[in-house]
Protein backbone atom coordinates (compact mmCIF):
# COMPACT_ATOMS: atom_id res chain seq x y z
CA MET A 1 -0.04 0.12 0.06
CA ALA A 2 1.36 3.31 -0.99
CA ILE A 3 1.62 5.46 2.22
CA THR A 4 0.96 8.82 1.66
CA ALA A 5 2.03 12.01 3.26
CA LYS A 6 -1.43 12.88 5.14
CA LEU A 7 -1.44 9.05 6.84
CA VAL A 8 2.03 10.20 7.97
CA LYS A 9 0.46 13.42 9.30
CA GLU A 10 -2.63 11.57 11.11
CA LEU A 11 -0.27 8.67 12.85
CA ARG A 12 2.14 11.53 13.92
CA GLU A 13 -0.80 13.31 15.36
CA LYS A 14 -2.12 10.50 16.84
CA THR A 15 1.09 9.31 18.49
CA GLY A 16 3.07 12.34 18.51
CA ALA A 17 6.21 10.15 17.04
CA GLY A 18 8.64 11.81 14.73
CA MET A 19 7.53 11.46 11.11
CA MET A 20 10.61 8.93 9.78
CA ASP A 21 9.09 6.73 12.54
CA CYS A 22 5.75 7.50 11.68
CA LYS A 23 6.57 6.39 8.23
CA LYS A 24 8.35 2.92 8.90
CA ALA A 25 5.32 2.43 11.37
CA LEU A 26 3.01 2.57 7.98
CA GLN A 27 5.15 0.72 6.06
CA GLU A 28 5.77 -2.64 8.37
CA THR A 29 2.09 -2.36 9.23
CA ASP A 30 1.14 -2.03 5.07
CA GLY A 31 -1.02 1.55 5.97
CA ASP A 32 -2.93 0.17 9.06
CA LEU A 33 -3.05 3.07 11.33
CA ASP A 34 -4.40 1.12 14.14
CA LYS A 35 -1.49 -1.48 13.64
CA ALA A 36 0.65 1.45 13.33
CA VAL A 37 -0.08 3.32 16.73
CA GLU A 38 0.83 -0.36 18.30
CA TYR A 39 4.13 -0.92 16.06
CA LEU A 40 4.71 2.54 18.00
CA ARG A 41 4.05 1.78 21.47
CA GLU A 42 5.82 -1.44 21.07
CA LYS A 43 9.02 0.30 20.16
CA GLY A 44 8.40 3.44 22.89
CA MET A 45 8.46 5.85 20.23
CA SER A 46 4.82 7.29 21.19
CA LYS A 47 6.19 7.65 24.96
CA ALA A 48 9.47 9.18 23.83
CA ALA A 49 7.27 11.51 22.37
CA LYS A 50 5.72 12.38 25.21
CA LYS A 51 8.50 13.73 26.82
CA ALA A 52 10.25 15.30 23.77
CA ASP A 53 8.74 19.13 25.51
CA ARG A 54 10.26 18.47 28.64
CA ILE A 55 13.26 20.36 30.14
CA ALA A 56 16.63 18.00 30.35
CA ALA A 57 19.66 20.11 31.07
CA GLU A 58 20.98 17.24 34.09
CA GLY A 59 23.41 14.70 32.33
CA SER A 60 26.82 14.05 31.53
CA ALA A 61 29.93 14.76 29.66
CA HIS A 62 31.59 11.54 28.67
CA ILE A 63 35.29 11.27 27.13
CA VAL A 64 36.61 8.55 24.52
CA THR A 65 39.86 7.86 23.01
CA GLU A 66 41.61 5.68 20.67
CA GLY A 67 45.08 5.98 19.13
CA ASN A 68 45.27 9.73 17.68
CA THR A 69 41.41 10.12 18.05
CA ALA A 70 39.49 11.43 21.31
CA VAL A 71 35.72 12.50 21.43
CA MET A 72 34.10 14.61 24.15
CA ILE A 73 29.84 14.31 24.21
CA GLU A 74 27.44 15.78 26.16
CA VAL A 75 24.38 13.75 26.82
CA ASN A 76 21.36 15.53 28.66
CA ALA A 77 18.86 13.93 31.22
CA GLU A 78 16.01 15.13 32.85
CA THR A 79 17.22 14.08 36.18
CA ASP A 80 20.93 14.05 38.10
CA PHE A 81 19.42 10.48 39.50
CA VAL A 82 18.84 8.90 35.91
CA ALA A 83 22.80 10.36 34.53
CA LYS A 84 24.10 7.99 37.33
CA ASN A 85 23.10 5.13 36.70
CA ASP A 86 24.18 2.36 34.83
CA GLN A 87 21.51 2.32 31.97
CA PHE A 88 22.50 5.77 31.39
CA LYS A 89 26.24 5.31 31.12
CA SER A 90 26.09 2.07 28.98
CA LEU A 91 24.53 5.02 26.06
CA LEU A 92 27.20 7.11 26.75
CA ASP A 93 29.70 5.04 25.72
CA ASP A 94 27.89 3.57 22.96
CA LEU A 95 26.96 6.90 22.03
CA ALA A 96 30.70 8.44 22.24
CA ASN A 97 32.53 5.01 20.37
CA HIS A 98 29.88 5.43 17.69
CA ILE A 99 31.10 9.25 17.35
CA LEU A 100 34.91 7.89 17.45
CA ASN A 101 34.60 6.56 14.81
CA GLN A 102 32.26 6.92 12.72
CA LYS A 103 33.34 10.99 12.20
CA PRO A 104 29.96 12.54 11.62
CA GLU A 105 29.92 16.24 10.91
CA SER A 106 26.83 17.34 13.14
CA VAL A 107 24.30 16.06 16.13
CA GLU A 108 21.99 15.81 13.02
CA GLU A 109 23.96 13.87 11.42
CA ALA A 110 25.01 11.52 13.78
CA MET A 111 21.64 10.96 14.21
CA GLY A 112 20.93 9.84 11.33
CA GLN A 113 23.41 7.21 11.20
CA LYS A 114 23.69 3.35 12.12
CA LEU A 115 24.62 2.69 15.43
CA HIS A 116 28.21 0.98 14.70
CA GLY A 117 27.80 0.75 11.36
CA GLU A 118 24.98 -1.74 11.73
CA GLY A 119 21.19 -1.98 13.19
CA GLU A 120 19.09 1.17 14.07
CA THR A 121 19.92 4.10 14.05
CA LEU A 122 21.28 6.71 16.60
CA GLU A 123 17.87 8.27 16.87
CA GLU A 124 16.46 4.99 17.31
CA TYR A 125 18.76 4.17 19.92
CA ILE A 126 18.01 6.97 22.14
CA THR A 127 14.32 6.54 21.70
CA ALA A 128 14.29 3.00 22.63
CA ALA A 129 16.76 3.76 25.90
CA ILE A 130 14.13 6.84 26.70
CA ALA A 131 11.55 4.15 26.74
CA LYS A 132 13.22 1.95 29.21
CA ILE A 133 14.77 5.14 31.36
CA GLY A 134 11.66 6.78 31.41
CA GLU A 135 13.45 10.25 31.01
CA LYS A 136 13.80 12.46 28.53
CA ILE A 137 17.44 12.04 26.88
CA SER A 138 19.64 14.09 23.86
CA LEU A 139 23.03 14.18 22.65
CA ARG A 140 24.01 17.88 22.87
CA ARG A 141 26.77 18.02 21.46
CA PHE A 142 30.54 16.56 20.89
CA GLU A 143 33.48 17.28 20.02
CA ILE A 144 35.90 15.09 18.00
CA VAL A 145 40.50 16.03 18.18
CA GLU A 146 43.17 14.29 16.23
CA LYS A 147 46.27 14.44 17.20
CA ASP A 148 49.95 13.28 16.03
CA ASP A 149 52.02 10.28 17.86
CA ASN A 150 54.21 13.40 19.53
CA SER A 151 51.29 14.84 20.88
CA ALA A 152 49.27 14.23 24.01
CA PHE A 153 45.66 14.34 25.18
CA GLY A 154 44.71 15.54 28.08
CA ALA A 155 40.90 13.78 29.19
CA TYR A 156 39.70 14.77 32.28
CA ILE A 157 35.82 14.18 33.88
CA HIS A 158 35.30 16.68 37.28
CA MET A 159 31.98 15.55 39.09
CA GLY A 160 31.12 12.75 37.70
CA GLY A 161 30.58 13.81 34.41
CA LYS A 162 29.57 17.56 35.01
CA ILE A 163 32.66 19.06 33.26
CA GLY A 164 34.40 17.28 31.16
CA VAL A 165 37.75 19.00 29.34
CA LEU A 166 39.85 17.76 26.45
CA THR A 167 42.57 19.33 25.63
CA LEU A 168 45.79 18.91 22.76
CA VAL A 169 49.33 19.23 23.87
CA GLU A 170 51.58 18.85 21.07
CA GLY A 171 55.12 18.25 21.86
CA THR A 172 55.35 15.94 24.44
CA THR A 173 53.36 12.04 24.94
CA ASP A 174 53.49 13.05 28.58
CA GLU A 175 49.53 12.63 29.27
CA SER A 176 49.57 14.20 32.41
CA VAL A 177 50.89 16.88 31.66
CA ALA A 178 48.00 17.17 29.44
CA LYS A 179 45.67 16.12 31.95
CA ASP A 180 47.25 18.64 34.26
CA VAL A 181 46.31 21.49 31.97
CA SER A 182 42.40 19.96 31.54
CA MET A 183 42.12 20.04 35.47
CA HIS A 184 43.12 23.15 35.56
CA ILE A 185 40.60 24.38 32.52
CA ALA A 186 37.88 22.88 34.72
CA ALA A 187 38.75 24.61 37.65
CA SER A 188 39.54 28.36 36.08
CA ASN A 189 37.33 28.32 32.98
CA PRO A 190 39.69 30.03 30.77
CA GLN A 191 37.29 31.41 27.42
CA TYR A 192 39.96 31.70 25.21
CA LEU A 193 43.83 29.70 24.50
CA SER A 194 45.70 32.72 24.05
CA ARG A 195 44.69 36.51 23.61
CA GLU A 196 45.34 36.53 20.12
CA ASP A 197 42.36 34.35 19.71
CA VAL A 198 40.12 36.86 21.45
CA ALA A 199 38.15 38.68 18.83
CA LYS A 200 38.46 42.37 18.76
CA GLU A 201 35.67 43.66 19.58
CA VAL A 202 35.61 42.36 22.56
CA VAL A 203 39.02 43.87 23.23
CA ASP A 204 38.23 47.32 22.32
CA GLN A 205 35.19 47.16 24.42
CA GLU A 206 37.07 45.81 27.19
CA ARG A 207 39.39 48.56 26.68
CA GLU A 208 36.55 51.45 26.50
CA THR A 209 35.15 50.19 29.32
CA LEU A 210 38.17 50.32 31.51
CA LYS A 211 38.59 53.99 30.12
CA GLN A 212 35.39 54.99 31.47
CA GLN A 213 36.63 53.61 34.90
CA ALA A 214 39.44 55.11 34.85
CA LEU A 215 38.19 58.15 34.27
CA ASN A 216 35.65 58.10 36.73
CA GLU A 217 38.03 57.32 39.43
CA GLY A 218 39.68 60.93 38.56
CA LYS A 219 42.79 59.61 36.43
CA PRO A 220 44.53 62.37 34.99
CA GLU A 221 43.65 61.38 31.18
CA HIS A 222 47.74 61.40 30.27
CA ILE A 223 48.17 58.37 32.58
CA VAL A 224 44.54 56.83 31.83
CA GLU A 225 46.12 55.01 28.63
CA LYS A 226 49.18 53.84 30.44
CA MET A 227 46.37 52.85 33.10
CA VAL A 228 44.14 51.17 30.64
CA GLU A 229 46.96 48.82 29.01
CA GLY A 230 47.99 47.48 32.69
CA ARG A 231 44.40 46.51 33.66
CA LEU A 232 44.38 45.35 30.06
CA GLY A 233 46.33 42.29 30.86
CA LYS A 234 44.84 41.15 33.82
CA PHE A 235 41.77 40.91 31.79
CA PHE A 236 43.57 39.13 29.22
CA GLU A 237 44.87 37.38 32.31
CA GLU A 238 41.70 36.18 33.64
CA ILE A 239 40.24 35.11 30.16
CA CYS A 240 42.93 33.18 28.38
CA LEU A 241 44.36 29.82 29.43
CA LEU A 242 47.61 30.51 28.47
CA GLU A 243 48.26 33.65 30.94
CA GLN A 244 46.63 32.02 34.07
CA ASP A 245 48.52 31.32 37.01
CA PHE A 246 48.48 27.49 36.82
CA VAL A 247 46.44 26.25 39.45
CA LYS A 248 48.73 23.25 41.02
CA ASP A 249 51.77 26.09 40.95
CA PRO A 250 50.42 29.59 40.90
CA ASP A 251 54.13 30.77 40.67
CA GLN A 252 53.91 30.41 37.18
CA LYS A 253 51.36 30.54 34.18
CA VAL A 254 50.15 27.53 32.35
CA LYS A 255 52.19 28.55 29.10
CA LYS A 256 55.64 27.63 31.37
CA TYR A 257 54.36 25.13 32.89
CA VAL A 258 54.08 23.22 29.67
CA GLU A 259 56.94 24.63 28.33
CA SER A 260 58.94 23.51 31.17
CA LYS A 261 57.69 20.22 29.99
CA GLY A 262 58.93 20.61 26.27
CA GLY A 263 54.95 20.63 25.66
CA THR A 264 52.56 23.76 24.32
CA VAL A 265 48.74 23.38 24.32
CA GLN A 266 47.58 23.29 20.45
CA SER A 267 43.94 23.47 21.75
CA PHE A 268 41.20 22.52 24.64
CA VAL A 269 37.30 22.21 25.00
CA ARG A 270 35.37 22.49 27.95
CA TYR A 271 31.69 21.41 28.75
CA GLU A 272 29.73 22.36 31.62
CA VAL A 273 26.58 19.96 31.85
CA GLY A 274 23.55 22.18 30.86
CA GLU A 275 25.31 25.56 30.29
CA GLY A 276 22.92 27.80 28.71
CA MET A 277 20.44 25.70 29.18
CA GLU A 278 16.99 26.14 30.65
CA LYS A 279 16.92 24.77 34.13
CA ARG A 280 14.11 22.61 35.76
CA ASP A 281 13.01 24.39 38.95
CA GLU A 282 11.72 21.34 40.53
CA ASN A 283 14.05 18.64 42.08
CA PHE A 284 13.90 14.97 41.40
CA ALA A 285 12.49 14.60 45.43
CA ASP A 286 9.76 17.35 44.45
CA GLU A 287 9.15 15.20 41.69
CA VAL A 288 9.04 11.58 43.51
CA MET A 289 6.41 13.94 45.48
CA SER A 290 4.23 14.76 42.98
CA GLN A 291 3.97 11.44 41.75
CA VAL A 292 2.84 9.78 45.15
CA LYS A 293 0.12 12.21 45.27
CA LYS A 294 -1.84 11.16 41.87
């Protein structure tokens, strides 16, 4: 039987499942709407769809390395409780290993790929996990990093996955050096690698702000420029990794520490789970109580 767009739309409105899932369900059931609804329920897709508009800002960062390739992912869930269970941890590992090996360009591309190159897609796999775990789960972002044989990855997961950092240090194969830098990044949250990476408009805006502050303090105009440049240096120390005081040895900068080990920091990625996302107002205990009272 030919599957029409109208039929797909009707099934989607009945179940809330995705368009491709609805089309597949209709194909599997030869266009029988009722059987297609049941098919989606059995697969857990309609249950997952009902959770699609719920807030999932908890979860975990996860890192997998293999040879000269590493990947860090962020996967979100609704509660911190679920993010700690074994099913969720297994899901993290499956998704990270898939991305490490298949190297998709985007989350959208990854979701349409067959898990490990065979069977169900990542989207179907996550949908099934939602049905089992009972919470909205989503792959939010990932970063793939490549290195050569004379470099090291610094892989660091903090607070059980609340913060993840993946650093690439060139010139040394000592992973402990790279991990030290990643631990520093987790604690200090630099926004840029070096001052050269800071956009000119950001620097100009900060320079103007510092100038106005100095003038408001009543400083003579002829010394304001020197003051501004001095304070601008402090600004770079706050936001640029290489210019920050190294947390394990505040008497030296991060750049000097890495150089003393024969390396240079090439790049870093820092994920803080849920950053920039809307948070749930209620806590898990309140949710449990609300369910008990129903």
